[in-house]
């Protein structure tokens, strides 16, 4: 299992699935990524969440909903990643609330069992009119 974690951590930059890009000043930019794992059921399901940014930005919060209904919040210093293990079906959801001034922030996740993997994406963009 440790080898799987190491291999997935090496690919973190490649699986960021959506971007929120701000030019000039963006008062509040909120992105949400949501997917369900209809095809992935079983034991030892691993989900990796990751968020990163470049430029002048501030992360207010990062929230994800576990299948058991537990909501976790934390303040973040970017970049950051979080690896979660579940013993049953996974329905990942994550929301980032970000203030951006001349920069970008992106967030994504990948889920994997011993023989299957999936990813889902949604994209939101907000630009300041010139």
C-alpha atoms as a PDB file:
ATOM      1  CA  UNK A   1       0.000   0.000   0.000  1.00  0.00           C
ATOM      2  CA  UNK A   2       2.918   2.362   0.712  1.00  0.00           C
ATOM      3  CA  UNK A   3       4.194   1.854  -2.841  1.00  0.00           C
ATOM      4  CA  UNK A   4       0.790   2.880  -4.204  1.00  0.00           C
ATOM      5  CA  UNK A   5       0.828   6.041  -2.090  1.00  0.00           C
ATOM      6  CA  UNK A   6       4.332   6.975  -3.241  1.00  0.00           C
ATOM      7  CA  UNK A   7       3.442   6.393  -6.890  1.00  0.00           C
ATOM      8  CA  UNK A   8       0.276   8.486  -6.632  1.00  0.00           C
ATOM      9  CA  UNK A   9       2.066  11.292  -4.819  1.00  0.00           C
ATOM     10  CA  UNK A  10       4.529  11.492  -7.716  1.00  0.00           C
ATOM     11  CA  UNK A  11       1.617  12.117 -10.081  1.00  0.00           C
ATOM     12  CA  UNK A  12      -0.099  14.809  -7.983  1.00  0.00           C
ATOM     13  CA  UNK A  13       0.676  17.661 -10.402  1.00  0.00           C
ATOM     14  CA  UNK A  14      -0.852  15.684 -13.273  1.00  0.00           C
ATOM     15  CA  UNK A  15      -4.296  15.101 -11.843  1.00  0.00           C
ATOM     16  CA  UNK A  16      -5.441  18.577 -10.958  1.00  0.00           C
ATOM     17  CA  UNK A  17      -8.782  18.501 -12.678  1.00  0.00           C
ATOM     18  CA  UNK A  18     -10.063  22.023 -12.779  1.00  0.00           C
ATOM     19  CA  UNK A  19      -8.793  25.563 -12.452  1.00  0.00           C
ATOM     20  CA  UNK A  20     -10.106  28.816 -11.154  1.00  0.00           C
ATOM     21  CA  UNK A  21      -8.212  31.676 -12.715  1.00  0.00           C
ATOM     22  CA  UNK A  22      -8.430  35.284 -11.597  1.00  0.00           C
ATOM     23  CA  UNK A  23      -7.030  38.311 -13.409  1.00  0.00           C
ATOM     24  CA  UNK A  24      -6.570  41.586 -11.532  1.00  0.00           C
ATOM     25  CA  UNK A  25      -8.711  41.487  -8.369  1.00  0.00           C
ATOM     26  CA  UNK A  26     -11.321  38.861  -7.594  1.00  0.00           C
ATOM     27  CA  UNK A  27     -13.264  39.577  -4.413  1.00  0.00           C
ATOM     28  CA  UNK A  28     -14.377  36.014  -3.740  1.00  0.00           C
ATOM     29  CA  UNK A  29     -13.862  33.050  -6.005  1.00  0.00           C
ATOM     30  CA  UNK A  30     -15.501  29.755  -5.098  1.00  0.00           C
ATOM     31  CA  UNK A  31     -14.898  26.471  -6.877  1.00  0.00           C
ATOM     32  CA  UNK A  32     -16.613  23.180  -6.291  1.00  0.00           C
ATOM     33  CA  UNK A  33     -15.739  19.716  -7.538  1.00  0.00           C
ATOM     34  CA  UNK A  34     -18.206  16.888  -7.089  1.00  0.00           C
ATOM     35  CA  UNK A  35     -18.352  13.309  -8.373  1.00  0.00           C
ATOM     36  CA  UNK A  36     -19.809   9.959  -7.337  1.00  0.00           C
ATOM     37  CA  UNK A  37     -18.087   6.617  -7.559  1.00  0.00           C
ATOM     38  CA  UNK A  38     -20.825   4.408  -8.946  1.00  0.00           C
ATOM     39  CA  UNK A  39     -18.264   1.971 -10.346  1.00  0.00           C
ATOM     40  CA  UNK A  40     -15.901   1.857  -7.376  1.00  0.00           C
ATOM     41  CA  UNK A  41     -16.992  -0.189  -4.395  1.00  0.00           C
ATOM     42  CA  UNK A  42     -14.988  -2.376  -2.088  1.00  0.00           C
ATOM     43  CA  UNK A  43     -12.273  -2.186   0.502  1.00  0.00           C
ATOM     44  CA  UNK A  44      -9.161  -0.037   0.741  1.00  0.00           C
ATOM     45  CA  UNK A  45     -10.448   2.874  -1.313  1.00  0.00           C
ATOM     46  CA  UNK A  46      -7.927   5.698  -1.331  1.00  0.00           C
ATOM     47  CA  UNK A  47      -8.781   9.287  -2.250  1.00  0.00           C
ATOM     48  CA  UNK A  48      -6.158  11.980  -2.743  1.00  0.00           C
ATOM     49  CA  UNK A  49      -7.222  15.623  -2.657  1.00  0.00           C
ATOM     50  CA  UNK A  50      -4.823  18.350  -3.712  1.00  0.00           C
ATOM     51  CA  UNK A  51      -4.920  22.118  -4.089  1.00  0.00           C
ATOM     52  CA  UNK A  52      -2.278  24.551  -5.277  1.00  0.00           C
ATOM     53  CA  UNK A  53      -1.982  28.130  -6.407  1.00  0.00           C
ATOM     54  CA  UNK A  54       0.336  30.681  -7.942  1.00  0.00           C
ATOM     55  CA  UNK A  55       0.375  34.439  -7.574  1.00  0.00           C
ATOM     56  CA  UNK A  56      -1.350  36.542  -4.927  1.00  0.00           C
ATOM     57  CA  UNK A  57      -4.117  34.488  -3.313  1.00  0.00           C
ATOM     58  CA  UNK A  58      -5.570  33.506   0.044  1.00  0.00           C
ATOM     59  CA  UNK A  59      -7.387  30.290   0.922  1.00  0.00           C
ATOM     60  CA  UNK A  60     -10.258  30.840   3.337  1.00  0.00           C
ATOM     61  CA  UNK A  61     -11.234  27.194   3.739  1.00  0.00           C
ATOM     62  CA  UNK A  62     -11.144  23.752   2.196  1.00  0.00           C
ATOM     63  CA  UNK A  63     -14.140  21.524   2.900  1.00  0.00           C
ATOM     64  CA  UNK A  64     -14.794  17.942   1.868  1.00  0.00           C
ATOM     65  CA  UNK A  65     -17.644  15.605   2.661  1.00  0.00           C
ATOM     66  CA  UNK A  66     -16.828  12.035   3.608  1.00  0.00           C
ATOM     67  CA  UNK A  67     -19.312   9.259   2.800  1.00  0.00           C
ATOM     68  CA  UNK A  68     -20.172   8.968   6.478  1.00  0.00           C
ATOM     69  CA  UNK A  69     -21.315  12.606   6.407  1.00  0.00           C
ATOM     70  CA  UNK A  70     -18.367  14.028   8.326  1.00  0.00           C
ATOM     71  CA  UNK A  71     -17.360  17.517   7.189  1.00  0.00           C
ATOM     72  CA  UNK A  72     -13.788  18.617   7.817  1.00  0.00           C
ATOM     73  CA  UNK A  73     -12.520  22.175   7.537  1.00  0.00           C
ATOM     74  CA  UNK A  74      -9.043  23.550   7.754  1.00  0.00           C
ATOM     75  CA  UNK A  75      -7.055  26.660   7.014  1.00  0.00           C
ATOM     76  CA  UNK A  76      -4.433  26.011   4.397  1.00  0.00           C
ATOM     77  CA  UNK A  77      -1.019  27.115   3.343  1.00  0.00           C
ATOM     78  CA  UNK A  78      -0.578  26.050  -0.271  1.00  0.00           C
ATOM     79  CA  UNK A  79       0.371  23.715  -1.781  1.00  0.00           C
ATOM     80  CA  UNK A  80      -1.239  20.932   0.227  1.00  0.00           C
ATOM     81  CA  UNK A  81      -2.530  17.430  -0.321  1.00  0.00           C
ATOM     82  CA  UNK A  82      -4.544  15.069   1.819  1.00  0.00           C
ATOM     83  CA  UNK A  83      -4.832  11.315   1.460  1.00  0.00           C
ATOM     84  CA  UNK A  84      -7.961   9.650   2.857  1.00  0.00           C
ATOM     85  CA  UNK A  85      -8.725   5.962   3.273  1.00  0.00           C
ATOM     86  CA  UNK A  86     -12.256   4.549   3.319  1.00  0.00           C
ATOM     87  CA  UNK A  87     -13.446   0.982   3.827  1.00  0.00           C
ATOM     88  CA  UNK A  88     -16.613   1.302   1.754  1.00  0.00           C
ATOM     89  CA  UNK A  89     -18.156   3.228  -1.154  1.00  0.00           C
ATOM     90  CA  UNK A  90     -16.811   6.756  -1.562  1.00  0.00           C
ATOM     91  CA  UNK A  91     -18.700   9.896  -2.601  1.00  0.00           C
ATOM     92  CA  UNK A  92     -16.083  12.659  -2.552  1.00  0.00           C
ATOM     93  CA  UNK A  93     -16.974  16.328  -2.586  1.00  0.00           C
ATOM     94  CA  UNK A  94     -14.657  19.240  -2.025  1.00  0.00           C
ATOM     95  CA  UNK A  95     -15.114  22.999  -1.981  1.00  0.00           C
ATOM     96  CA  UNK A  96     -12.470  25.710  -1.854  1.00  0.00           C
ATOM     97  CA  UNK A  97     -13.209  29.349  -1.038  1.00  0.00           C
ATOM     98  CA  UNK A  98     -10.389  31.507  -2.316  1.00  0.00           C
ATOM     99  CA  UNK A  99      -9.562  35.203  -2.659  1.00  0.00           C
ATOM    100  CA  UNK A 100      -7.369  35.785  -5.700  1.00  0.00           C
ATOM    101  CA  UNK A 101      -5.534  38.916  -6.831  1.00  0.00           C
ATOM    102  CA  UNK A 102      -3.607  38.306 -10.038  1.00  0.00           C
ATOM    103  CA  UNK A 103      -3.121  34.573  -9.722  1.00  0.00           C
ATOM    104  CA  UNK A 104      -4.766  31.181 -10.024  1.00  0.00           C
ATOM    105  CA  UNK A 105      -5.861  28.327  -7.807  1.00  0.00           C
ATOM    106  CA  UNK A 106      -6.704  24.789  -8.806  1.00  0.00           C
ATOM    107  CA  UNK A 107      -7.963  21.772  -6.917  1.00  0.00           C
ATOM    108  CA  UNK A 108      -8.578  18.157  -7.828  1.00  0.00           C
ATOM    109  CA  UNK A 109      -8.814  14.584  -6.619  1.00  0.00           C
ATOM    110  CA  UNK A 110      -8.280  11.010  -7.687  1.00  0.00           C
ATOM    111  CA  UNK A 111      -9.755   7.869  -6.096  1.00  0.00           C
ATOM    112  CA  UNK A 112      -8.349   4.376  -6.410  1.00  0.00           C
ATOM    113  CA  UNK A 113      -8.905   0.822  -5.246  1.00  0.00           C
ATOM    114  CA  UNK A 114      -6.550  -2.074  -5.827  1.00  0.00           C
ATOM    115  CA  UNK A 115      -7.763  -2.575  -9.412  1.00  0.00           C
ATOM    116  CA  UNK A 116      -9.789   0.524 -10.417  1.00  0.00           C
ATOM    117  CA  UNK A 117      -9.374   4.267 -10.396  1.00  0.00           C
ATOM    118  CA  UNK A 118     -11.550   7.233 -11.306  1.00  0.00           C
ATOM    119  CA  UNK A 119     -11.546  10.983 -11.441  1.00  0.00           C
ATOM    120  CA  UNK A 120     -14.268  13.550 -11.936  1.00  0.00           C
ATOM    121  CA  UNK A 121     -14.165  17.220 -12.711  1.00  0.00           C
ATOM    122  CA  UNK A 122     -16.102  20.420 -12.786  1.00  0.00           C
ATOM    123  CA  UNK A 123     -14.784  23.814 -13.758  1.00  0.00           C
ATOM    124  CA  UNK A 124     -15.649  27.343 -12.751  1.00  0.00           C
ATOM    125  CA  UNK A 125     -14.013  30.566 -13.881  1.00  0.00           C
ATOM    126  CA  UNK A 126     -14.474  34.148 -12.808  1.00  0.00           C
ATOM    127  CA  UNK A 127     -12.791  37.059 -14.546  1.00  0.00           C
ATOM    128  CA  UNK A 128     -12.722  40.764 -13.798  1.00  0.00           C
ATOM    129  CA  UNK A 129     -14.055  42.836 -16.693  1.00  0.00           C
ATOM    130  CA  UNK A 130     -11.376  45.201 -18.067  1.00  0.00           C
END
